[in-house]
Amino acid sequence: MSKRDEMIAKYAADMKDKLGVTADMDLLTKVVIGCGPSIYSADSETVAASDPAEIDRVKNNFLIKKLGMADGPALREAIDKVMSDYGSANRNKFRAVVYYMLTKHFGKESAYG
């Protein structure tokens, strides 16, 4: 099993355990590939939900640039919902899982065509 496959399995298990969601493995794999090397660094693998600059990065670099969303309050509301669903007790909010959940929230699976 490759390192990437191990990461994908870890994220799928995290989604099942913490969010009660069974991942679409094809989409999760595409999201993980889209994250690139960031998933292999402990610091960049997670999203710091309490850091406003990090939330802005998710909004600008992922929602606006990757998914092609128009800026507006709906983006921040979606991020807040995903972070809330993940739970404040969960310190490790994996970037790939957050991106997957936002992709599903907005129905933008086609961005990973």
PDB file of N, CA and C in Angstrom:
ATOM      1  N   MET A   1       0.849  -1.176   0.000  1.00  0.00           N
ATOM      2  CA  MET A   1       0.000   0.000   0.000  1.00  0.00           C
ATOM      3  C   MET A   1       0.893   1.237   0.000  1.00  0.00           C
ATOM      4  N   SER A   2       0.631   2.146  -0.917  1.00  0.00           N
ATOM      5  CA  SER A   2       1.443   3.359  -1.005  1.00  0.00           C
ATOM      6  C   SER A   2       1.111   4.314   0.135  1.00  0.00           C
ATOM      7  N   LYS A   3       1.986   5.264   0.352  1.00  0.00           N
ATOM      8  CA  LYS A   3       1.775   6.271   1.398  1.00  0.00           C
ATOM      9  C   LYS A   3       0.467   7.023   1.133  1.00  0.00           C
ATOM     10  N   ARG A   4       0.205   7.374  -0.127  1.00  0.00           N
ATOM     11  CA  ARG A   4      -1.029   8.088  -0.450  1.00  0.00           C
ATOM     12  C   ARG A   4      -2.249   7.230  -0.146  1.00  0.00           C
ATOM     13  N   ASP A   5      -2.192   5.947  -0.468  1.00  0.00           N
ATOM     14  CA  ASP A   5      -3.306   5.048  -0.167  1.00  0.00           C
ATOM     15  C   ASP A   5      -3.544   4.952   1.340  1.00  0.00           C
ATOM     16  N   GLU A   6      -2.452   4.957   2.112  1.00  0.00           N
ATOM     17  CA  GLU A   6      -2.577   4.939   3.567  1.00  0.00           C
ATOM     18  C   GLU A   6      -3.273   6.204   4.063  1.00  0.00           C
ATOM     19  N   MET A   7      -2.918   7.341   3.474  1.00  0.00           N
ATOM     20  CA  MET A   7      -3.527   8.619   3.869  1.00  0.00           C
ATOM     21  C   MET A   7      -5.024   8.619   3.520  1.00  0.00           C
ATOM     22  N   ILE A   8      -5.352   8.127   2.353  1.00  0.00           N
ATOM     23  CA  ILE A   8      -6.755   8.074   1.923  1.00  0.00           C
ATOM     24  C   ILE A   8      -7.563   7.205   2.894  1.00  0.00           C
ATOM     25  N   ALA A   9      -7.021   6.063   3.269  1.00  0.00           N
ATOM     26  CA  ALA A   9      -7.696   5.177   4.218  1.00  0.00           C
ATOM     27  C   ALA A   9      -7.857   5.859   5.576  1.00  0.00           C
ATOM     28  N   LYS A  10      -6.829   6.599   5.992  1.00  0.00           N
ATOM     29  CA  LYS A  10      -6.892   7.320   7.264  1.00  0.00           C
ATOM     30  C   LYS A  10      -7.991   8.374   7.226  1.00  0.00           C
ATOM     31  N   TYR A  11      -8.088   9.105   6.114  1.00  0.00           N
ATOM     32  CA  TYR A  11      -9.102  10.156   6.009  1.00  0.00           C
ATOM     33  C   TYR A  11     -10.509   9.559   5.954  1.00  0.00           C
ATOM     34  N   ALA A  12     -10.664   8.455   5.247  1.00  0.00           N
ATOM     35  CA  ALA A  12     -11.978   7.796   5.164  1.00  0.00           C
ATOM     36  C   ALA A  12     -12.415   7.325   6.553  1.00  0.00           C
ATOM     37  N   ALA A  13     -11.488   6.762   7.311  1.00  0.00           N
ATOM     38  CA  ALA A  13     -11.796   6.308   8.673  1.00  0.00           C
ATOM     39  C   ALA A  13     -12.139   7.495   9.563  1.00  0.00           C
ATOM     40  N   ASP A  14     -11.419   8.605   9.393  1.00  0.00           N
ATOM     41  CA  ASP A  14     -11.674   9.812  10.174  1.00  0.00           C
ATOM     42  C   ASP A  14     -13.078  10.348   9.889  1.00  0.00           C
ATOM     43  N   MET A  15     -13.462  10.329   8.623  1.00  0.00           N
ATOM     44  CA  MET A  15     -14.797  10.796   8.242  1.00  0.00           C
ATOM     45  C   MET A  15     -15.874   9.914   8.860  1.00  0.00           C
ATOM     46  N   LYS A  16     -15.649   8.622   8.848  1.00  0.00           N
ATOM     47  CA  LYS A  16     -16.616   7.669   9.406  1.00  0.00           C
ATOM     48  C   LYS A  16     -16.732   7.857  10.918  1.00  0.00           C
ATOM     49  N   ASP A  17     -15.586   7.958  11.598  1.00  0.00           N
ATOM     50  CA  ASP A  17     -15.559   8.048  13.058  1.00  0.00           C
ATOM     51  C   ASP A  17     -16.045   9.393  13.586  1.00  0.00           C
ATOM     52  N   LYS A  18     -15.590  10.483  12.992  1.00  0.00           N
ATOM     53  CA  LYS A  18     -15.863  11.812  13.544  1.00  0.00           C
ATOM     54  C   LYS A  18     -17.062  12.508  12.918  1.00  0.00           C
ATOM     55  N   LEU A  19     -17.382  12.160  11.674  1.00  0.00           N
ATOM     56  CA  LEU A  19     -18.471  12.844  10.978  1.00  0.00           C
ATOM     57  C   LEU A  19     -19.654  11.928  10.670  1.00  0.00           C
ATOM     58  N   GLY A  20     -19.453  10.634  10.846  1.00  0.00           N
ATOM     59  CA  GLY A  20     -20.516   9.685  10.536  1.00  0.00           C
ATOM     60  C   GLY A  20     -20.829   9.612   9.053  1.00  0.00           C
ATOM     61  N   VAL A  21     -19.829   9.907   8.224  1.00  0.00           N
ATOM     62  CA  VAL A  21     -19.995   9.956   6.776  1.00  0.00           C
ATOM     63  C   VAL A  21     -19.192   8.835   6.133  1.00  0.00           C
ATOM     64  N   THR A  22     -19.818   8.119   5.226  1.00  0.00           N
ATOM     65  CA  THR A  22     -19.095   7.135   4.425  1.00  0.00           C
ATOM     66  C   THR A  22     -18.613   7.845   3.164  1.00  0.00           C
ATOM     67  N   ALA A  23     -17.320   7.883   2.991  1.00  0.00           N
ATOM     68  CA  ALA A  23     -16.727   8.647   1.891  1.00  0.00           C
ATOM     69  C   ALA A  23     -16.975   7.999   0.540  1.00  0.00           C
ATOM     70  N   ASP A  24     -17.178   8.849  -0.454  1.00  0.00           N
ATOM     71  CA  ASP A  24     -17.129   8.438  -1.859  1.00  0.00           C
ATOM     72  C   ASP A  24     -15.628   8.327  -2.144  1.00  0.00           C
ATOM     73  N   MET A  25     -15.130   7.107  -2.190  1.00  0.00           N
ATOM     74  CA  MET A  25     -13.683   6.894  -2.260  1.00  0.00           C
ATOM     75  C   MET A  25     -13.055   7.472  -3.525  1.00  0.00           C
ATOM     76  N   ASP A  26     -13.800   7.477  -4.623  1.00  0.00           N
ATOM     77  CA  ASP A  26     -13.279   8.056  -5.854  1.00  0.00           C
ATOM     78  C   ASP A  26     -13.060   9.562  -5.680  1.00  0.00           C
ATOM     79  N   LEU A  27     -14.055  10.241  -5.119  1.00  0.00           N
ATOM     80  CA  LEU A  27     -13.923  11.682  -4.891  1.00  0.00           C
ATOM     81  C   LEU A  27     -12.853  11.965  -3.852  1.00  0.00           C
ATOM     82  N   LEU A  28     -12.826  11.203  -2.767  1.00  0.00           N
ATOM     83  CA  LEU A  28     -11.815  11.424  -1.726  1.00  0.00           C
ATOM     84  C   LEU A  28     -10.413  11.264  -2.309  1.00  0.00           C
ATOM     85  N   THR A  29     -10.224  10.266  -3.150  1.00  0.00           N
ATOM     86  CA  THR A  29      -8.921  10.066  -3.790  1.00  0.00           C
ATOM     87  C   THR A  29      -8.542  11.279  -4.632  1.00  0.00           C
ATOM     88  N   LYS A  30      -9.482  11.808  -5.390  1.00  0.00           N
ATOM     89  CA  LYS A  30      -9.212  12.989  -6.225  1.00  0.00           C
ATOM     90  C   LYS A  30      -8.902  14.213  -5.370  1.00  0.00           C
ATOM     91  N   VAL A  31      -9.620  14.376  -4.260  1.00  0.00           N
ATOM     92  CA  VAL A  31      -9.354  15.506  -3.364  1.00  0.00           C
ATOM     93  C   VAL A  31      -7.959  15.376  -2.769  1.00  0.00           C
ATOM     94  N   VAL A  32      -7.597  14.179  -2.339  1.00  0.00           N
ATOM     95  CA  VAL A  32      -6.269  13.955  -1.759  1.00  0.00           C
ATOM     96  C   VAL A  32      -5.183  14.252  -2.790  1.00  0.00           C
ATOM     97  N   ILE A  33      -5.363  13.785  -4.008  1.00  0.00           N
ATOM     98  CA  ILE A  33      -4.397  14.071  -5.071  1.00  0.00           C
ATOM     99  C   ILE A  33      -4.305  15.578  -5.294  1.00  0.00           C
ATOM    100  N   GLY A  34      -5.456  16.256  -5.259  1.00  0.00           N
ATOM    101  CA  GLY A  34      -5.492  17.709  -5.438  1.00  0.00           C
ATOM    102  C   GLY A  34      -4.780  18.470  -4.335  1.00  0.00           C
ATOM    103  N   CYS A  35      -4.718  17.882  -3.151  1.00  0.00           N
ATOM    104  CA  CYS A  35      -4.017  18.533  -2.033  1.00  0.00           C
ATOM    105  C   CYS A  35      -2.505  18.522  -2.237  1.00  0.00           C
ATOM    106  N   GLY A  36      -2.045  17.619  -3.082  1.00  0.00           N
ATOM    107  CA  GLY A  36      -0.615  17.549  -3.379  1.00  0.00           C
ATOM    108  C   GLY A  36       0.208  17.175  -2.173  1.00  0.00           C
ATOM    109  N   PRO A  37       1.431  17.700  -2.109  1.00  0.00           N
ATOM    110  CA  PRO A  37       2.343  17.305  -1.036  1.00  0.00           C
ATOM    111  C   PRO A  37       1.950  17.827   0.345  1.00  0.00           C
ATOM    112  N   SER A  38       0.961  18.705   0.425  1.00  0.00           N
ATOM    113  CA  SER A  38       0.596  19.262   1.732  1.00  0.00           C
ATOM    114  C   SER A  38       0.134  18.190   2.715  1.00  0.00           C
ATOM    115  N   ILE A  39      -0.400  17.080   2.222  1.00  0.00           N
ATOM    116  CA  ILE A  39      -0.887  16.046   3.137  1.00  0.00           C
ATOM    117  C   ILE A  39       0.236  15.289   3.836  1.00  0.00           C
ATOM    118  N   TYR A  40       1.454  15.437   3.356  1.00  0.00           N
ATOM    119  CA  TYR A  40       2.577  14.708   3.936  1.00  0.00           C
ATOM    120  C   TYR A  40       3.308  15.499   5.013  1.00  0.00           C
ATOM    121  N   SER A  41       2.879  16.716   5.275  1.00  0.00           N
ATOM    122  CA  SER A  41       3.467  17.546   6.325  1.00  0.00           C
ATOM    123  C   SER A  41       2.453  17.663   7.456  1.00  0.00           C
ATOM    124  N   ALA A  42       2.890  17.357   8.669  1.00  0.00           N
ATOM    125  CA  ALA A  42       1.975  17.383   9.809  1.00  0.00           C
ATOM    126  C   ALA A  42       1.305  18.754   9.970  1.00  0.00           C
ATOM    127  N   ASP A  43       2.029  19.815   9.675  1.00  0.00           N
ATOM    128  CA  ASP A  43       1.476  21.161   9.844  1.00  0.00           C
ATOM    129  C   ASP A  43       0.434  21.472   8.773  1.00  0.00           C
ATOM    130  N   SER A  44       0.748  21.211   7.528  1.00  0.00           N
ATOM    131  CA  SER A  44      -0.173  21.582   6.452  1.00  0.00           C
ATOM    132  C   SER A  44      -1.248  20.530   6.187  1.00  0.00           C
ATOM    133  N   GLU A  45      -1.116  19.350   6.791  1.00  0.00           N
ATOM    134  CA  GLU A  45      -2.116  18.296   6.607  1.00  0.00           C
ATOM    135  C   GLU A  45      -3.436  18.652   7.291  1.00  0.00           C
ATOM    136  N   THR A  46      -3.355  19.515   8.315  1.00  0.00           N
ATOM    137  CA  THR A  46      -4.546  19.878   9.064  1.00  0.00           C
ATOM    138  C   THR A  46      -4.906  21.341   8.841  1.00  0.00           C
ATOM    139  N   VAL A  47      -6.165  21.658   9.135  1.00  0.00           N
ATOM    140  CA  VAL A  47      -6.662  23.030   9.045  1.00  0.00           C
ATOM    141  C   VAL A  47      -6.825  23.545  10.467  1.00  0.00           C
ATOM    142  N   ALA A  48      -6.207  24.692  10.743  1.00  0.00           N
ATOM    143  CA  ALA A  48      -6.338  25.318  12.059  1.00  0.00           C
ATOM    144  C   ALA A  48      -7.627  26.134  12.073  1.00  0.00           C
ATOM    145  N   ALA A  49      -8.686  25.537  12.583  1.00  0.00           N
ATOM    146  CA  ALA A  49     -10.014  26.151  12.535  1.00  0.00           C
ATOM    147  C   ALA A  49     -10.099  27.448  13.331  1.00  0.00           C
ATOM    148  N   SER A  50      -9.225  27.611  14.313  1.00  0.00           N
ATOM    149  CA  SER A  50      -9.279  28.812  15.151  1.00  0.00           C
ATOM    150  C   SER A  50      -8.428  29.954  14.594  1.00  0.00           C
ATOM    151  N   ASP A  51      -7.747  29.730  13.491  1.00  0.00           N
ATOM    152  CA  ASP A  51      -6.872  30.747  12.894  1.00  0.00           C
ATOM    153  C   ASP A  51      -7.598  31.415  11.727  1.00  0.00           C
ATOM    154  N   PRO A  52      -7.987  32.690  11.885  1.00  0.00           N
ATOM    155  CA  PRO A  52      -8.723  33.382  10.819  1.00  0.00           C
ATOM    156  C   PRO A  52      -7.964  33.412   9.482  1.00  0.00           C
ATOM    157  N   ALA A  53      -6.644  33.502   9.539  1.00  0.00           N
ATOM    158  CA  ALA A  53      -5.845  33.522   8.305  1.00  0.00           C
ATOM    159  C   ALA A  53      -5.950  32.173   7.589  1.00  0.00           C
ATOM    160  N   GLU A  54      -5.991  31.093   8.352  1.00  0.00           N
ATOM    161  CA  GLU A  54      -6.120  29.759   7.765  1.00  0.00           C
ATOM    162  C   GLU A  54      -7.499  29.586   7.118  1.00  0.00           C
ATOM    163  N   ILE A  55      -8.521  30.073   7.770  1.00  0.00           N
ATOM    164  CA  ILE A  55      -9.880  29.993   7.228  1.00  0.00           C
ATOM    165  C   ILE A  55      -9.962  30.808   5.934  1.00  0.00           C
ATOM    166  N   ASP A  56      -9.308  31.965   5.920  1.00  0.00           N
ATOM    167  CA  ASP A  56      -9.269  32.778   4.692  1.00  0.00           C
ATOM    168  C   ASP A  56      -8.552  32.033   3.568  1.00  0.00           C
ATOM    169  N   ARG A  57      -7.491  31.289   3.902  1.00  0.00           N
ATOM    170  CA  ARG A  57      -6.770  30.504   2.893  1.00  0.00           C
ATOM    171  C   ARG A  57      -7.671  29.423   2.309  1.00  0.00           C
ATOM    172  N   VAL A  58      -8.428  28.756   3.162  1.00  0.00           N
ATOM    173  CA  VAL A  58      -9.358  27.732   2.681  1.00  0.00           C
ATOM    174  C   VAL A  58     -10.372  28.376   1.739  1.00  0.00           C
ATOM    175  N   LYS A  59     -10.899  29.513   2.151  1.00  0.00           N
ATOM    176  CA  LYS A  59     -11.900  30.202   1.334  1.00  0.00           C
ATOM    177  C   LYS A  59     -11.310  30.641  -0.008  1.00  0.00           C
ATOM    178  N   ASN A  60     -10.185  31.335   0.045  1.00  0.00           N
ATOM    179  CA  ASN A  60      -9.609  31.908  -1.178  1.00  0.00           C
ATOM    180  C   ASN A  60      -8.944  30.870  -2.084  1.00  0.00           C
ATOM    181  N   ASN A  61      -8.126  30.014  -1.501  1.00  0.00           N
ATOM    182  CA  ASN A  61      -7.355  29.073  -2.321  1.00  0.00           C
ATOM    183  C   ASN A  61      -8.137  27.843  -2.737  1.00  0.00           C
ATOM    184  N   PHE A  62      -9.105  27.442  -1.921  1.00  0.00           N
ATOM    185  CA  PHE A  62      -9.865  26.250  -2.288  1.00  0.00           C
ATOM    186  C   PHE A  62     -11.232  26.602  -2.868  1.00  0.00           C
ATOM    187  N   LEU A  63     -12.054  27.264  -2.095  1.00  0.00           N
ATOM    188  CA  LEU A  63     -13.422  27.519  -2.564  1.00  0.00           C
ATOM    189  C   LEU A  63     -13.466  28.437  -3.783  1.00  0.00           C
ATOM    190  N   ILE A  64     -12.710  29.504  -3.764  1.00  0.00           N
ATOM    191  CA  ILE A  64     -12.768  30.465  -4.872  1.00  0.00           C
ATOM    192  C   ILE A  64     -11.911  30.009  -6.046  1.00  0.00           C
ATOM    193  N   LYS A  65     -10.636  29.677  -5.791  1.00  0.00           N
ATOM    194  CA  LYS A  65      -9.742  29.314  -6.897  1.00  0.00           C
ATOM    195  C   LYS A  65     -10.005  27.913  -7.444  1.00  0.00           C
ATOM    196  N   LYS A  66     -10.125  26.913  -6.569  1.00  0.00           N
ATOM    197  CA  LYS A  66     -10.275  25.532  -7.042  1.00  0.00           C
ATOM    198  C   LYS A  66     -11.707  25.223  -7.473  1.00  0.00           C
ATOM    199  N   LEU A  67     -12.682  25.579  -6.624  1.00  0.00           N
ATOM    200  CA  LEU A  67     -14.064  25.236  -6.947  1.00  0.00           C
ATOM    201  C   LEU A  67     -14.776  26.293  -7.783  1.00  0.00           C
ATOM    202  N   GLY A  68     -14.147  27.469  -7.928  1.00  0.00           N
ATOM    203  CA  GLY A  68     -14.736  28.516  -8.769  1.00  0.00           C
ATOM    204  C   GLY A  68     -15.941  29.196  -8.153  1.00  0.00           C
ATOM    205  N   MET A  69     -16.000  29.228  -6.838  1.00  0.00           N
ATOM    206  CA  MET A  69     -17.124  29.854  -6.157  1.00  0.00           C
ATOM    207  C   MET A  69     -16.961  31.373  -6.144  1.00  0.00           C
ATOM    208  N   ALA A  70     -18.092  32.072  -6.119  1.00  0.00           N
ATOM    209  CA  ALA A  70     -18.073  33.523  -5.985  1.00  0.00           C
ATOM    210  C   ALA A  70     -17.981  33.858  -4.504  1.00  0.00           C
ATOM    211  N   ASP A  71     -17.167  34.862  -4.174  1.00  0.00           N
ATOM    212  CA  ASP A  71     -17.000  35.258  -2.781  1.00  0.00           C
ATOM    213  C   ASP A  71     -18.333  35.751  -2.215  1.00  0.00           C
ATOM    214  N   GLY A  72     -18.563  35.436  -0.984  1.00  0.00           N
ATOM    215  CA  GLY A  72     -19.785  35.874  -0.323  1.00  0.00           C
ATOM    216  C   GLY A  72     -19.908  35.189   1.024  1.00  0.00           C
ATOM    217  N   PRO A  73     -20.900  35.577   1.795  1.00  0.00           N
ATOM    218  CA  PRO A  73     -21.057  35.022   3.139  1.00  0.00           C
ATOM    219  C   PRO A  73     -21.332  33.519   3.154  1.00  0.00           C
ATOM    220  N   ALA A  74     -21.872  32.976   2.073  1.00  0.00           N
ATOM    221  CA  ALA A  74     -22.172  31.533   2.021  1.00  0.00           C
ATOM    222  C   ALA A  74     -20.901  30.697   2.155  1.00  0.00           C
ATOM    223  N   LEU A  75     -19.770  31.222   1.694  1.00  0.00           N
ATOM    224  CA  LEU A  75     -18.518  30.469   1.776  1.00  0.00           C
ATOM    225  C   LEU A  75     -18.088  30.309   3.229  1.00  0.00           C
ATOM    226  N   ARG A  76     -18.103  31.398   3.958  1.00  0.00           N
ATOM    227  CA  ARG A  76     -17.708  31.353   5.373  1.00  0.00           C
ATOM    228  C   ARG A  76     -18.699  30.497   6.174  1.00  0.00           C
ATOM    229  N   GLU A  77     -19.979  30.600   5.850  1.00  0.00           N
ATOM    230  CA  GLU A  77     -20.993  29.798   6.542  1.00  0.00           C
ATOM    231  C   GLU A  77     -20.742  28.304   6.319  1.00  0.00           C
ATOM    232  N   ALA A  78     -20.361  27.942   5.096  1.00  0.00           N
ATOM    233  CA  ALA A  78     -20.082  26.536   4.789  1.00  0.00           C
ATOM    234  C   ALA A  78     -18.849  26.050   5.541  1.00  0.00           C
ATOM    235  N   ILE A  79     -17.814  26.863   5.573  1.00  0.00           N
ATOM    236  CA  ILE A  79     -16.600  26.499   6.317  1.00  0.00           C
ATOM    237  C   ILE A  79     -16.942  26.318   7.792  1.00  0.00           C
ATOM    238  N   ASP A  80     -17.698  27.268   8.354  1.00  0.00           N
ATOM    239  CA  ASP A  80     -18.080  27.183   9.760  1.00  0.00           C
ATOM    240  C   ASP A  80     -18.889  25.912  10.034  1.00  0.00           C
ATOM    241  N   LYS A  81     -19.767  25.549   9.105  1.00  0.00           N
ATOM    242  CA  LYS A  81     -20.594  24.344   9.275  1.00  0.00           C
ATOM    243  C   LYS A  81     -19.716  23.095   9.278  1.00  0.00           C
ATOM    244  N   VAL A  82     -18.789  23.021   8.334  1.00  0.00           N
ATOM    245  CA  VAL A  82     -17.903  21.859   8.274  1.00  0.00           C
ATOM    246  C   VAL A  82     -17.068  21.766   9.555  1.00  0.00           C
ATOM    247  N   MET A  83     -16.541  22.888  10.013  1.00  0.00           N
ATOM    248  CA  MET A  83     -15.731  22.888  11.238  1.00  0.00           C
ATOM    249  C   MET A  83     -16.579  22.480  12.441  1.00  0.00           C
ATOM    250  N   SER A  84     -17.813  22.958  12.484  1.00  0.00           N
ATOM    251  CA  SER A  84     -18.727  22.605  13.568  1.00  0.00           C
ATOM    252  C   SER A  84     -19.072  21.118  13.526  1.00  0.00           C
ATOM    253  N   ASP A  85     -19.349  20.611  12.321  1.00  0.00           N
ATOM    254  CA  ASP A  85     -19.653  19.186  12.169  1.00  0.00           C
ATOM    255  C   ASP A  85     -18.464  18.324  12.601  1.00  0.00           C
ATOM    256  N   TYR A  86     -17.265  18.794  12.289  1.00  0.00           N
ATOM    257  CA  TYR A  86     -16.044  18.069  12.652  1.00  0.00           C
ATOM    258  C   TYR A  86     -15.899  18.043  14.175  1.00  0.00           C
ATOM    259  N   GLY A  87     -16.352  19.112  14.823  1.00  0.00           N
ATOM    260  CA  GLY A  87     -16.344  19.183  16.284  1.00  0.00           C
ATOM    261  C   GLY A  87     -15.137  19.902  16.837  1.00  0.00           C
ATOM    262  N   SER A  88     -15.384  20.771  17.806  1.00  0.00           N
ATOM    263  CA  SER A  88     -14.299  21.540  18.406  1.00  0.00           C
ATOM    264  C   SER A  88     -13.356  20.660  19.222  1.00  0.00           C
ATOM    265  N   ALA A  89     -13.830  19.498  19.659  1.00  0.00           N
ATOM    266  CA  ALA A  89     -12.977  18.593  20.431  1.00  0.00           C
ATOM    267  C   ALA A  89     -11.941  17.890  19.552  1.00  0.00           C
ATOM    268  N   ASN A  90     -12.179  17.871  18.239  1.00  0.00           N
ATOM    269  CA  ASN A  90     -11.243  17.234  17.316  1.00  0.00           C
ATOM    270  C   ASN A  90     -10.183  18.242  16.883  1.00  0.00           C
ATOM    271  N   ARG A  91      -9.013  18.115  17.473  1.00  0.00           N
ATOM    272  CA  ARG A  91      -7.936  19.060  17.154  1.00  0.00           C
ATOM    273  C   ARG A  91      -7.428  18.877  15.734  1.00  0.00           C
ATOM    274  N   ASN A  92      -7.400  17.642  15.252  1.00  0.00           N
ATOM    275  CA  ASN A  92      -6.879  17.366  13.917  1.00  0.00           C
ATOM    276  C   ASN A  92      -8.013  17.343  12.897  1.00  0.00           C
ATOM    277  N   LYS A  93      -8.200  18.473  12.263  1.00  0.00           N
ATOM    278  CA  LYS A  93      -9.181  18.568  11.185  1.00  0.00           C
ATOM    279  C   LYS A  93      -8.388  18.457   9.884  1.00  0.00           C
ATOM    280  N   PHE A  94      -8.436  17.278   9.300  1.00  0.00           N
ATOM    281  CA  PHE A  94      -7.599  17.023   8.129  1.00  0.00           C
ATOM    282  C   PHE A  94      -8.064  17.846   6.934  1.00  0.00           C
ATOM    283  N   ARG A  95      -7.099  18.472   6.274  1.00  0.00           N
ATOM    284  CA  ARG A  95      -7.375  19.343   5.129  1.00  0.00           C
ATOM    285  C   ARG A  95      -8.158  18.601   4.040  1.00  0.00           C
ATOM    286  N   ALA A  96      -7.754  17.390   3.723  1.00  0.00           N
ATOM    287  CA  ALA A  96      -8.438  16.636   2.667  1.00  0.00           C
ATOM    288  C   ALA A  96      -9.893  16.378   3.031  1.00  0.00           C
ATOM    289  N   VAL A  97     -10.163  16.118   4.304  1.00  0.00           N
ATOM    290  CA  VAL A  97     -11.540  15.878   4.745  1.00  0.00           C
ATOM    291  C   VAL A  97     -12.350  17.165   4.677  1.00  0.00           C
ATOM    292  N   VAL A  98     -11.762  18.268   5.122  1.00  0.00           N
ATOM    293  CA  VAL A  98     -12.446  19.564   5.059  1.00  0.00           C
ATOM    294  C   VAL A  98     -12.762  19.900   3.604  1.00  0.00           C
ATOM    295  N   TYR A  99     -11.794  19.723   2.710  1.00  0.00           N
ATOM    296  CA  TYR A  99     -12.016  20.024   1.294  1.00  0.00           C
ATOM    297  C   TYR A  99     -13.084  19.099   0.701  1.00  0.00           C
ATOM    298  N   TYR A 100     -13.050  17.830   1.078  1.00  0.00           N
ATOM    299  CA  TYR A 100     -14.051  16.869   0.601  1.00  0.00           C
ATOM    300  C   TYR A 100     -15.446  17.324   1.041  1.00  0.00           C
ATOM    301  N   MET A 101     -15.580  17.652   2.319  1.00  0.00           N
ATOM    302  CA  MET A 101     -16.889  18.047   2.855  1.00  0.00           C
ATOM    303  C   MET A 101     -17.393  19.334   2.199  1.00  0.00           C
ATOM    304  N   LEU A 102     -16.507  20.279   1.935  1.00  0.00           N
ATOM    305  CA  LEU A 102     -16.907  21.518   1.256  1.00  0.00           C
ATOM    306  C   LEU A 102     -17.306  21.233  -0.189  1.00  0.00           C
ATOM    307  N   THR A 103     -16.581  20.350  -0.844  1.00  0.00           N
ATOM    308  CA  THR A 103     -16.922  19.975  -2.220  1.00  0.00           C
ATOM    309  C   THR A 103     -18.318  19.369  -2.270  1.00  0.00           C
ATOM    310  N   LYS A 104     -18.609  18.465  -1.343  1.00  0.00           N
ATOM    311  CA  LYS A 104     -19.931  17.841  -1.281  1.00  0.00           C
ATOM    312  C   LYS A 104     -21.006  18.869  -0.920  1.00  0.00           C
ATOM    313  N   HIS A 105     -20.691  19.762   0.031  1.00  0.00           N
ATOM    314  CA  HIS A 105     -21.654  20.772   0.475  1.00  0.00           C
ATOM    315  C   HIS A 105     -22.151  21.620  -0.700  1.00  0.00           C
ATOM    316  N   PHE A 106     -21.216  22.016  -1.548  1.00  0.00           N
ATOM    317  CA  PHE A 106     -21.558  22.879  -2.674  1.00  0.00           C
ATOM    318  C   PHE A 106     -21.910  22.100  -3.946  1.00  0.00           C
ATOM    319  N   GLY A 107     -21.826  20.763  -3.895  1.00  0.00           N
ATOM    320  CA  GLY A 107     -22.143  19.960  -5.075  1.00  0.00           C
ATOM    321  C   GLY A 107     -21.183  20.220  -6.230  1.00  0.00           C
ATOM    322  N   LYS A 108     -19.916  20.442  -5.891  1.00  0.00           N
ATOM    323  CA  LYS A 108     -18.907  20.792  -6.892  1.00  0.00           C
ATOM    324  C   LYS A 108     -17.982  19.626  -7.238  1.00  0.00           C
ATOM    325  N   GLU A 109     -18.508  18.422  -7.178  1.00  0.00           N
ATOM    326  CA  GLU A 109     -17.702  17.244  -7.492  1.00  0.00           C
ATOM    327  C   GLU A 109     -17.109  17.333  -8.893  1.00  0.00           C
ATOM    328  N   SER A 110     -17.778  18.056  -9.767  1.00  0.00           N
ATOM    329  CA  SER A 110     -17.304  18.189 -11.151  1.00  0.00           C
ATOM    330  C   SER A 110     -15.959  18.909 -11.237  1.00  0.00           C
ATOM    331  N   ALA A 111     -15.582  19.644 -10.196  1.00  0.00           N
ATOM    332  CA  ALA A 111     -14.274  20.310 -10.189  1.00  0.00           C
ATOM    333  C   ALA A 111     -13.147  19.288 -10.200  1.00  0.00           C
ATOM    334  N   TYR A 112     -13.476  18.055  -9.826  1.00  0.00           N
ATOM    335  CA  TYR A 112     -12.484  16.976  -9.826  1.00  0.00           C
ATOM    336  C   TYR A 112     -12.713  16.012 -10.963  1.00  0.00           C
ATOM    337  N   GLY A 113     -13.473  16.450 -12.006  1.00  0.00           N
ATOM    338  CA  GLY A 113     -13.814  15.659 -13.178  1.00  0.00           C
ATOM    339  C   GLY A 113     -12.763  14.719 -13.566  1.00  0.00           C
TER     340      GLY A 113
END
